[in-house]
Amino acid sequence: MRKAAGQLRGRAARLARLMPSGPSTAARTPFVLLVVVLLGGGLITLLLLNSSLNEGSFKLSELRKNTTELTDQEQELQRDVDQRSAPDALQRRARELGMVPGGNPAFLGPDGTVQGVPGQATALPSPPATTPPATTPPVSPAAQATPATPAAPTTSVAPQPSTTPGR
């Protein structure tokens, strides 16, 4: 066995003589630079990607906040519309504007016949309000007692101007 070990030493010694005798860093330098550049580039890429994701997260959070605010505003406006479109609110606003309920309706048939007896709109007694009641032009008792004939044109009472400020 000693003989085999001695031959290897001799062979290894011959191979060592073929290698340059000084430390060789010239072959390692490009590889080390390549590894450093790849690691540095990877770190910079991760940093930029992380920054981009954080920026997107902030934008998403801001958009969610805006969506919540706009949803709340939409619901508030819808409640306001629902309150103003309720029948009692519409009736109260119409009275404030001086409007009165219509009289008996009359309908024209396709052949030109009048169905129903038209009547003039008269103001109903209004509930006590903070604004003065709307005045309607006086109607003669004879006009109230006799209904208009179907061929005669009907007159309507024009709404009085509103006395409430701001509208």
N, C-alpha and C. Protein backbone atom coordinates (compact mmCIF):
# COMPACT_ATOMS: atom_id res chain seq x y z
N MET A 1 0.81 -1.19 0.00
CA MET A 1 0.00 0.00 0.00
C MET A 1 0.85 1.25 0.00
N ARG A 2 1.98 1.13 0.62
CA ARG A 2 2.86 2.29 0.65
C ARG A 2 3.32 2.63 -0.75
N LYS A 3 3.46 1.64 -1.52
CA LYS A 3 3.94 1.88 -2.87
C LYS A 3 2.88 2.64 -3.67
N ALA A 4 1.65 2.31 -3.53
CA ALA A 4 0.58 3.01 -4.26
C ALA A 4 0.47 4.43 -3.78
N ALA A 5 0.65 4.65 -2.49
CA ALA A 5 0.58 6.01 -1.96
C ALA A 5 1.73 6.83 -2.47
N GLY A 6 2.90 6.20 -2.63
CA GLY A 6 4.05 6.93 -3.14
C GLY A 6 3.88 7.31 -4.59
N GLN A 7 3.23 6.43 -5.36
CA GLN A 7 3.01 6.74 -6.77
C GLN A 7 2.03 7.91 -6.92
N LEU A 8 1.05 7.93 -6.07
CA LEU A 8 0.10 9.04 -6.15
C LEU A 8 0.79 10.34 -5.79
N ARG A 9 1.66 10.23 -4.84
CA ARG A 9 2.37 11.46 -4.47
C ARG A 9 3.21 11.93 -5.65
N GLY A 10 3.78 11.04 -6.32
CA GLY A 10 4.60 11.41 -7.45
C GLY A 10 3.76 11.97 -8.59
N ARG A 11 2.62 11.34 -8.79
CA ARG A 11 1.72 11.80 -9.84
C ARG A 11 1.15 13.16 -9.47
N ALA A 12 0.77 13.33 -8.24
CA ALA A 12 0.24 14.61 -7.77
C ALA A 12 1.32 15.67 -7.84
N ALA A 13 2.54 15.28 -7.59
CA ALA A 13 3.64 16.25 -7.65
C ALA A 13 3.86 16.68 -9.08
N ARG A 14 3.76 15.73 -10.02
CA ARG A 14 3.92 16.09 -11.43
C ARG A 14 2.80 17.01 -11.89
N LEU A 15 1.59 16.73 -11.43
CA LEU A 15 0.47 17.60 -11.81
C LEU A 15 0.62 18.98 -11.17
N ALA A 16 1.14 19.03 -9.99
CA ALA A 16 1.34 20.30 -9.31
C ALA A 16 2.38 21.13 -10.04
N ARG A 17 3.33 20.47 -10.67
CA ARG A 17 4.33 21.22 -11.42
C ARG A 17 3.73 21.83 -12.67
N LEU A 18 2.69 21.23 -13.22
CA LEU A 18 2.04 21.78 -14.41
C LEU A 18 1.22 23.03 -14.09
N MET A 19 0.77 23.13 -12.86
CA MET A 19 -0.04 24.28 -12.42
C MET A 19 0.89 25.46 -12.17
N PRO A 20 0.39 26.69 -12.35
CA PRO A 20 1.24 27.84 -12.05
C PRO A 20 1.58 27.85 -10.56
N SER A 21 2.75 28.32 -10.26
CA SER A 21 3.24 28.25 -8.90
C SER A 21 2.64 29.31 -7.99
N GLY A 22 2.26 30.50 -8.47
CA GLY A 22 1.70 31.57 -7.62
C GLY A 22 0.19 31.44 -7.47
N PRO A 23 -0.36 32.16 -6.50
CA PRO A 23 -1.81 32.13 -6.34
C PRO A 23 -2.50 32.73 -7.57
N SER A 24 -3.50 32.07 -8.09
CA SER A 24 -4.16 32.49 -9.31
C SER A 24 -5.54 33.06 -8.98
N THR A 25 -5.71 34.37 -9.05
CA THR A 25 -7.00 35.03 -8.81
C THR A 25 -7.60 35.54 -10.10
N ALA A 26 -6.86 35.49 -11.17
CA ALA A 26 -7.33 36.02 -12.44
C ALA A 26 -8.54 35.23 -12.94
N ALA A 27 -8.60 33.94 -12.77
CA ALA A 27 -9.69 33.13 -13.25
C ALA A 27 -10.92 33.28 -12.35
N ARG A 28 -10.78 33.61 -11.10
CA ARG A 28 -11.89 33.73 -10.16
C ARG A 28 -12.55 35.11 -10.22
N THR A 29 -11.86 36.12 -10.62
CA THR A 29 -12.37 37.49 -10.57
C THR A 29 -13.64 37.67 -11.41
N PRO A 30 -13.71 37.24 -12.66
CA PRO A 30 -14.96 37.42 -13.41
C PRO A 30 -16.14 36.67 -12.79
N PHE A 31 -15.89 35.49 -12.27
CA PHE A 31 -16.98 34.71 -11.65
C PHE A 31 -17.50 35.42 -10.40
N VAL A 32 -16.60 35.92 -9.57
CA VAL A 32 -17.01 36.62 -8.35
C VAL A 32 -17.76 37.89 -8.71
N LEU A 33 -17.29 38.62 -9.69
CA LEU A 33 -18.00 39.84 -10.12
C LEU A 33 -19.39 39.50 -10.66
N LEU A 34 -19.49 38.41 -11.41
CA LEU A 34 -20.79 38.00 -11.94
C LEU A 34 -21.75 37.66 -10.80
N VAL A 35 -21.31 36.95 -9.81
CA VAL A 35 -22.16 36.59 -8.67
C VAL A 35 -22.58 37.84 -7.90
N VAL A 36 -21.65 38.76 -7.67
CA VAL A 36 -21.97 39.99 -6.93
C VAL A 36 -22.98 40.83 -7.72
N VAL A 37 -22.78 40.95 -9.02
CA VAL A 37 -23.71 41.72 -9.85
C VAL A 37 -25.09 41.07 -9.86
N LEU A 38 -25.18 39.77 -9.97
CA LEU A 38 -26.47 39.08 -9.96
C LEU A 38 -27.17 39.25 -8.61
N LEU A 39 -26.44 39.10 -7.52
CA LEU A 39 -27.04 39.28 -6.20
C LEU A 39 -27.49 40.73 -6.00
N GLY A 40 -26.66 41.68 -6.38
CA GLY A 40 -27.03 43.10 -6.25
C GLY A 40 -28.24 43.45 -7.11
N GLY A 41 -28.25 42.95 -8.34
CA GLY A 41 -29.40 43.20 -9.23
C GLY A 41 -30.67 42.58 -8.69
N GLY A 42 -30.56 41.39 -8.13
CA GLY A 42 -31.73 40.73 -7.54
C GLY A 42 -32.26 41.51 -6.35
N LEU A 43 -31.36 42.00 -5.49
CA LEU A 43 -31.78 42.79 -4.33
C LEU A 43 -32.45 44.10 -4.75
N ILE A 44 -31.88 44.76 -5.74
CA ILE A 44 -32.47 46.02 -6.21
C ILE A 44 -33.83 45.76 -6.84
N THR A 45 -33.95 44.67 -7.60
CA THR A 45 -35.24 44.31 -8.20
C THR A 45 -36.28 44.03 -7.14
N LEU A 46 -35.90 43.29 -6.09
CA LEU A 46 -36.84 43.03 -4.99
C LEU A 46 -37.24 44.31 -4.28
N LEU A 47 -36.32 45.22 -4.10
CA LEU A 47 -36.63 46.49 -3.45
C LEU A 47 -37.62 47.30 -4.29
N LEU A 48 -37.39 47.36 -5.59
CA LEU A 48 -38.31 48.10 -6.46
C LEU A 48 -39.69 47.43 -6.51
N LEU A 49 -39.72 46.12 -6.55
CA LEU A 49 -40.99 45.40 -6.57
C LEU A 49 -41.75 45.62 -5.26
N ASN A 50 -41.06 45.58 -4.15
CA ASN A 50 -41.69 45.80 -2.85
C ASN A 50 -42.24 47.23 -2.76
N SER A 51 -41.47 48.20 -3.23
CA SER A 51 -41.94 49.60 -3.22
C SER A 51 -43.18 49.76 -4.09
N SER A 52 -43.18 49.12 -5.24
CA SER A 52 -44.33 49.21 -6.14
C SER A 52 -45.57 48.59 -5.51
N LEU A 53 -45.40 47.45 -4.85
CA LEU A 53 -46.53 46.80 -4.19
C LEU A 53 -47.06 47.67 -3.04
N ASN A 54 -46.17 48.29 -2.29
CA ASN A 54 -46.62 49.17 -1.20
C ASN A 54 -47.38 50.37 -1.74
N GLU A 55 -46.90 50.94 -2.83
CA GLU A 55 -47.60 52.08 -3.43
C GLU A 55 -48.99 51.67 -3.90
N GLY A 56 -49.10 50.50 -4.53
CA GLY A 56 -50.40 50.00 -4.96
C GLY A 56 -51.32 49.73 -3.77
N SER A 57 -50.76 49.27 -2.67
CA SER A 57 -51.55 49.02 -1.47
C SER A 57 -52.10 50.32 -0.92
N PHE A 58 -51.31 51.38 -0.92
CA PHE A 58 -51.78 52.68 -0.44
C PHE A 58 -52.88 53.23 -1.34
N LYS A 59 -52.71 53.09 -2.64
CA LYS A 59 -53.75 53.54 -3.56
C LYS A 59 -55.05 52.76 -3.36
N LEU A 60 -54.93 51.45 -3.18
CA LEU A 60 -56.11 50.61 -2.96
C LEU A 60 -56.83 51.02 -1.68
N SER A 61 -56.06 51.29 -0.63
CA SER A 61 -56.67 51.71 0.63
C SER A 61 -57.39 53.05 0.47
N GLU A 62 -56.79 53.97 -0.26
CA GLU A 62 -57.41 55.28 -0.49
C GLU A 62 -58.68 55.14 -1.33
N LEU A 63 -58.65 54.28 -2.35
CA LEU A 63 -59.83 54.07 -3.19
C LEU A 63 -60.96 53.41 -2.40
N ARG A 64 -60.63 52.50 -1.50
CA ARG A 64 -61.66 51.88 -0.66
C ARG A 64 -62.29 52.92 0.26
N LYS A 65 -61.48 53.81 0.79
CA LYS A 65 -62.01 54.87 1.66
C LYS A 65 -62.94 55.79 0.86
N ASN A 66 -62.52 56.16 -0.35
CA ASN A 66 -63.37 57.01 -1.20
C ASN A 66 -64.66 56.30 -1.56
N THR A 67 -64.60 55.00 -1.84
CA THR A 67 -65.80 54.24 -2.17
C THR A 67 -66.77 54.23 -0.99
N THR A 68 -66.24 54.06 0.21
CA THR A 68 -67.09 54.06 1.40
C THR A 68 -67.76 55.42 1.58
N GLU A 69 -67.00 56.50 1.41
CA GLU A 69 -67.57 57.84 1.54
C GLU A 69 -68.65 58.09 0.49
N LEU A 70 -68.38 57.69 -0.75
CA LEU A 70 -69.36 57.90 -1.81
C LEU A 70 -70.62 57.04 -1.61
N THR A 71 -70.45 55.85 -1.08
CA THR A 71 -71.61 55.00 -0.79
C THR A 71 -72.47 55.63 0.30
N ASP A 72 -71.82 56.16 1.33
CA ASP A 72 -72.57 56.84 2.40
C ASP A 72 -73.32 58.06 1.85
N GLN A 73 -72.65 58.82 0.98
CA GLN A 73 -73.28 59.99 0.39
C GLN A 73 -74.47 59.58 -0.49
N GLU A 74 -74.31 58.51 -1.26
CA GLU A 74 -75.40 58.03 -2.12
C GLU A 74 -76.61 57.61 -1.28
N GLN A 75 -76.35 56.91 -0.17
CA GLN A 75 -77.45 56.49 0.69
C GLN A 75 -78.15 57.69 1.32
N GLU A 76 -77.38 58.70 1.71
CA GLU A 76 -77.99 59.91 2.29
C GLU A 76 -78.86 60.62 1.26
N LEU A 77 -78.36 60.72 0.03
CA LEU A 77 -79.14 61.36 -1.03
C LEU A 77 -80.39 60.55 -1.36
N GLN A 78 -80.28 59.23 -1.34
CA GLN A 78 -81.45 58.39 -1.62
C GLN A 78 -82.50 58.56 -0.53
N ARG A 79 -82.08 58.66 0.74
CA ARG A 79 -83.03 58.91 1.82
C ARG A 79 -83.72 60.26 1.63
N ASP A 80 -82.95 61.26 1.19
CA ASP A 80 -83.53 62.59 0.96
C ASP A 80 -84.57 62.53 -0.16
N VAL A 81 -84.25 61.83 -1.23
CA VAL A 81 -85.19 61.68 -2.35
C VAL A 81 -86.44 60.94 -1.89
N ASP A 82 -86.25 59.87 -1.11
CA ASP A 82 -87.40 59.11 -0.62
C ASP A 82 -88.29 59.97 0.26
N GLN A 83 -87.70 60.81 1.12
CA GLN A 83 -88.49 61.67 1.99
C GLN A 83 -89.26 62.71 1.17
N ARG A 84 -88.60 63.28 0.17
CA ARG A 84 -89.26 64.32 -0.62
C ARG A 84 -90.30 63.76 -1.59
N SER A 85 -90.19 62.49 -1.94
CA SER A 85 -91.15 61.92 -2.89
C SER A 85 -92.31 61.21 -2.19
N ALA A 86 -92.35 61.25 -0.88
CA ALA A 86 -93.48 60.66 -0.16
C ALA A 86 -94.74 61.47 -0.47
N PRO A 87 -95.90 60.81 -0.53
CA PRO A 87 -97.13 61.53 -0.91
C PRO A 87 -97.46 62.73 -0.01
N ASP A 88 -97.29 62.59 1.29
CA ASP A 88 -97.62 63.72 2.17
C ASP A 88 -96.65 64.88 1.97
N ALA A 89 -95.37 64.58 1.69
CA ALA A 89 -94.40 65.65 1.43
C ALA A 89 -94.72 66.35 0.11
N LEU A 90 -95.12 65.58 -0.90
CA LEU A 90 -95.49 66.19 -2.18
C LEU A 90 -96.73 67.07 -2.03
N GLN A 91 -97.70 66.61 -1.26
CA GLN A 91 -98.91 67.40 -1.06
C GLN A 91 -98.59 68.69 -0.31
N ARG A 92 -97.77 68.59 0.73
CA ARG A 92 -97.40 69.78 1.50
C ARG A 92 -96.65 70.79 0.63
N ARG A 93 -95.72 70.31 -0.19
CA ARG A 93 -94.94 71.20 -1.06
C ARG A 93 -95.85 71.82 -2.13
N ALA A 94 -96.81 71.07 -2.65
CA ALA A 94 -97.73 71.61 -3.65
C ALA A 94 -98.58 72.71 -3.04
N ARG A 95 -99.03 72.52 -1.81
CA ARG A 95 -99.81 73.58 -1.15
C ARG A 95 -98.97 74.81 -0.90
N GLU A 96 -97.69 74.61 -0.55
CA GLU A 96 -96.79 75.75 -0.35
C GLU A 96 -96.64 76.55 -1.64
N LEU A 97 -96.69 75.87 -2.76
CA LEU A 97 -96.57 76.54 -4.06
C LEU A 97 -97.89 77.10 -4.56
N GLY A 98 -98.97 76.89 -3.80
CA GLY A 98 -100.27 77.44 -4.18
C GLY A 98 -101.06 76.54 -5.09
N MET A 99 -100.70 75.30 -5.23
CA MET A 99 -101.42 74.37 -6.09
C MET A 99 -102.59 73.78 -5.31
N VAL A 100 -103.62 73.42 -6.03
CA VAL A 100 -104.80 72.81 -5.42
C VAL A 100 -105.08 71.50 -6.14
N PRO A 101 -105.77 70.57 -5.47
CA PRO A 101 -106.11 69.31 -6.14
C PRO A 101 -107.05 69.57 -7.31
N GLY A 102 -106.92 68.75 -8.33
CA GLY A 102 -107.77 68.90 -9.51
C GLY A 102 -109.21 68.52 -9.23
N GLY A 103 -110.10 69.02 -10.04
CA GLY A 103 -111.52 68.69 -9.90
C GLY A 103 -111.81 67.35 -10.54
N ASN A 104 -113.08 67.14 -10.84
CA ASN A 104 -113.48 65.89 -11.49
C ASN A 104 -112.87 65.83 -12.88
N PRO A 105 -112.25 64.73 -13.24
CA PRO A 105 -111.65 64.67 -14.57
C PRO A 105 -112.68 64.33 -15.64
N ALA A 106 -112.38 64.75 -16.82
CA ALA A 106 -113.19 64.39 -17.98
C ALA A 106 -112.24 63.79 -19.00
N PHE A 107 -112.73 62.78 -19.72
CA PHE A 107 -111.88 62.08 -20.67
C PHE A 107 -112.47 62.20 -22.06
N LEU A 108 -111.59 62.35 -23.04
CA LEU A 108 -112.02 62.38 -24.43
C LEU A 108 -111.84 60.99 -25.02
N GLY A 109 -112.87 60.49 -25.63
CA GLY A 109 -112.81 59.19 -26.28
C GLY A 109 -112.17 59.32 -27.66
N PRO A 110 -111.80 58.19 -28.28
CA PRO A 110 -111.18 58.24 -29.61
C PRO A 110 -112.10 58.85 -30.66
N ASP A 111 -113.40 58.76 -30.44
CA ASP A 111 -114.33 59.33 -31.43
C ASP A 111 -114.68 60.78 -31.11
N GLY A 112 -114.07 61.38 -30.08
CA GLY A 112 -114.32 62.77 -29.74
C GLY A 112 -115.37 62.98 -28.68
N THR A 113 -115.95 61.93 -28.15
CA THR A 113 -116.97 62.10 -27.12
C THR A 113 -116.30 62.38 -25.78
N VAL A 114 -117.00 63.14 -24.95
CA VAL A 114 -116.50 63.49 -23.63
C VAL A 114 -117.15 62.55 -22.63
N GLN A 115 -116.33 61.92 -21.83
CA GLN A 115 -116.82 61.02 -20.80
C GLN A 115 -116.55 61.66 -19.45
N GLY A 116 -117.56 61.78 -18.64
CA GLY A 116 -117.42 62.41 -17.35
C GLY A 116 -117.82 63.87 -17.42
N VAL A 117 -117.96 64.49 -16.27
CA VAL A 117 -118.32 65.90 -16.20
C VAL A 117 -117.13 66.65 -15.62
N PRO A 118 -116.54 67.52 -16.41
CA PRO A 118 -115.38 68.25 -15.89
C PRO A 118 -115.82 69.25 -14.83
N GLY A 119 -114.94 69.46 -13.87
CA GLY A 119 -115.23 70.43 -12.82
C GLY A 119 -114.02 71.29 -12.56
N GLN A 120 -114.28 72.42 -11.96
CA GLN A 120 -113.20 73.35 -11.67
C GLN A 120 -112.52 72.92 -10.37
N ALA A 121 -111.21 73.08 -10.32
CA ALA A 121 -110.46 72.74 -9.11
C ALA A 121 -110.71 73.81 -8.07
N THR A 122 -111.00 73.36 -6.87
CA THR A 122 -111.22 74.30 -5.78
C THR A 122 -110.24 73.97 -4.67
N ALA A 123 -109.87 74.99 -3.93
CA ALA A 123 -108.90 74.80 -2.84
C ALA A 123 -109.59 74.17 -1.65
N LEU A 124 -108.95 73.18 -1.09
CA LEU A 124 -109.44 72.56 0.13
C LEU A 124 -108.93 73.37 1.31
N PRO A 125 -109.63 73.31 2.44
CA PRO A 125 -109.10 74.02 3.60
C PRO A 125 -107.75 73.42 3.98
N SER A 126 -106.75 74.29 4.09
CA SER A 126 -105.40 73.80 4.37
C SER A 126 -105.18 73.73 5.88
N PRO A 127 -104.36 72.82 6.31
CA PRO A 127 -104.05 72.75 7.74
C PRO A 127 -103.25 73.97 8.13
N PRO A 128 -103.26 74.33 9.41
CA PRO A 128 -102.51 75.50 9.83
C PRO A 128 -101.04 75.32 9.48
N ALA A 129 -100.49 76.35 8.88
CA ALA A 129 -99.08 76.31 8.47
C ALA A 129 -98.41 77.61 8.87
N THR A 130 -97.11 77.63 8.78
CA THR A 130 -96.37 78.85 9.14
C THR A 130 -96.45 79.89 8.03
N THR A 131 -96.75 79.46 6.82
CA THR A 131 -96.87 80.41 5.70
C THR A 131 -98.34 80.77 5.51
N PRO A 132 -98.62 81.96 5.03
CA PRO A 132 -100.01 82.32 4.80
C PRO A 132 -100.62 81.44 3.71
N PRO A 133 -101.91 81.12 3.83
CA PRO A 133 -102.53 80.25 2.82
C PRO A 133 -102.58 80.94 1.47
N ALA A 134 -102.49 80.11 0.44
CA ALA A 134 -102.55 80.64 -0.92
C ALA A 134 -103.97 81.10 -1.21
N THR A 135 -104.06 82.21 -1.91
CA THR A 135 -105.39 82.75 -2.25
C THR A 135 -105.74 82.31 -3.65
N THR A 136 -107.02 81.98 -3.82
CA THR A 136 -107.51 81.60 -5.14
C THR A 136 -108.51 82.67 -5.57
N PRO A 137 -108.64 82.89 -6.86
CA PRO A 137 -109.61 83.88 -7.31
C PRO A 137 -111.02 83.43 -6.92
N PRO A 138 -111.85 84.37 -6.54
CA PRO A 138 -113.21 83.99 -6.14
C PRO A 138 -113.99 83.42 -7.32
N VAL A 139 -114.78 82.41 -7.01
CA VAL A 139 -115.62 81.78 -8.03
C VAL A 139 -117.06 82.09 -7.67
N SER A 140 -117.81 82.52 -8.65
CA SER A 140 -119.20 82.90 -8.38
C SER A 140 -120.00 81.67 -8.00
N PRO A 141 -120.99 81.80 -7.12
CA PRO A 141 -121.81 80.66 -6.73
C PRO A 141 -122.53 80.04 -7.91
N ALA A 142 -122.88 80.82 -8.91
CA ALA A 142 -123.58 80.27 -10.07
C ALA A 142 -122.66 79.33 -10.85
N ALA A 143 -121.37 79.67 -10.94
CA ALA A 143 -120.42 78.82 -11.66
C ALA A 143 -120.18 77.52 -10.91
N GLN A 144 -120.24 77.58 -9.57
CA GLN A 144 -120.05 76.36 -8.79
C GLN A 144 -121.26 75.45 -8.91
N ALA A 145 -122.45 76.00 -8.98
CA ALA A 145 -123.67 75.20 -8.99
C ALA A 145 -123.91 74.54 -10.34
N THR A 146 -123.56 75.20 -11.43
CA THR A 146 -123.83 74.62 -12.74
C THR A 146 -122.55 74.02 -13.30
N PRO A 147 -122.59 72.74 -13.63
CA PRO A 147 -121.38 72.15 -14.22
C PRO A 147 -121.22 72.65 -15.64
N ALA A 148 -120.01 72.68 -16.09
CA ALA A 148 -119.72 73.14 -17.45
C ALA A 148 -120.22 72.11 -18.45
N THR A 149 -120.63 72.57 -19.60
CA THR A 149 -121.11 71.66 -20.63
C THR A 149 -119.89 71.00 -21.27
N PRO A 150 -120.05 69.79 -21.82
CA PRO A 150 -118.90 69.10 -22.42
C PRO A 150 -118.26 69.88 -23.54
N ALA A 151 -119.01 70.66 -24.31
CA ALA A 151 -118.42 71.38 -25.44
C ALA A 151 -117.70 72.63 -24.98
N ALA A 152 -118.02 73.16 -23.79
CA ALA A 152 -117.40 74.40 -23.33
C ALA A 152 -115.99 74.11 -22.83
N PRO A 153 -115.06 75.00 -23.12
CA PRO A 153 -113.69 74.78 -22.62
C PRO A 153 -113.66 74.96 -21.10
N THR A 154 -112.83 74.17 -20.46
CA THR A 154 -112.70 74.28 -19.01
C THR A 154 -111.54 75.22 -18.69
N THR A 155 -111.68 75.91 -17.58
CA THR A 155 -110.61 76.81 -17.16
C THR A 155 -109.93 76.19 -15.96
N SER A 156 -108.67 76.47 -15.86
CA SER A 156 -107.94 75.97 -14.70
C SER A 156 -107.38 77.15 -13.93
N VAL A 157 -107.17 76.94 -12.67
CA VAL A 157 -106.64 77.99 -11.81
C VAL A 157 -105.13 77.92 -11.88
N ALA A 158 -104.51 79.03 -12.19
CA ALA A 158 -103.05 79.07 -12.27
C ALA A 158 -102.48 79.04 -10.87
N PRO A 159 -101.38 78.36 -10.66
CA PRO A 159 -100.77 78.33 -9.32
C PRO A 159 -100.28 79.71 -8.92
N GLN A 160 -100.44 80.02 -7.65
CA GLN A 160 -100.01 81.30 -7.11
C GLN A 160 -98.50 81.25 -6.86
N PRO A 161 -97.83 82.39 -6.94
CA PRO A 161 -96.39 82.40 -6.67
C PRO A 161 -96.13 82.04 -5.20
N SER A 162 -95.05 81.40 -4.97
CA SER A 162 -94.69 80.95 -3.63
C SER A 162 -94.27 82.14 -2.77
N THR A 163 -94.67 82.09 -1.51
CA THR A 163 -94.28 83.16 -0.60
C THR A 163 -93.19 82.71 0.34
N THR A 164 -92.69 81.49 0.16
CA THR A 164 -91.63 81.01 1.04
C THR A 164 -90.29 81.52 0.52
N PRO A 165 -89.41 81.98 1.40
CA PRO A 165 -88.11 82.48 0.93
C PRO A 165 -87.21 81.33 0.53
N GLY A 166 -86.32 81.60 -0.41
CA GLY A 166 -85.32 80.63 -0.80
C GLY A 166 -85.73 79.70 -1.92
N ARG A 167 -86.91 79.73 -2.36
CA ARG A 167 -87.32 78.82 -3.44
C ARG A 167 -87.98 79.58 -4.54
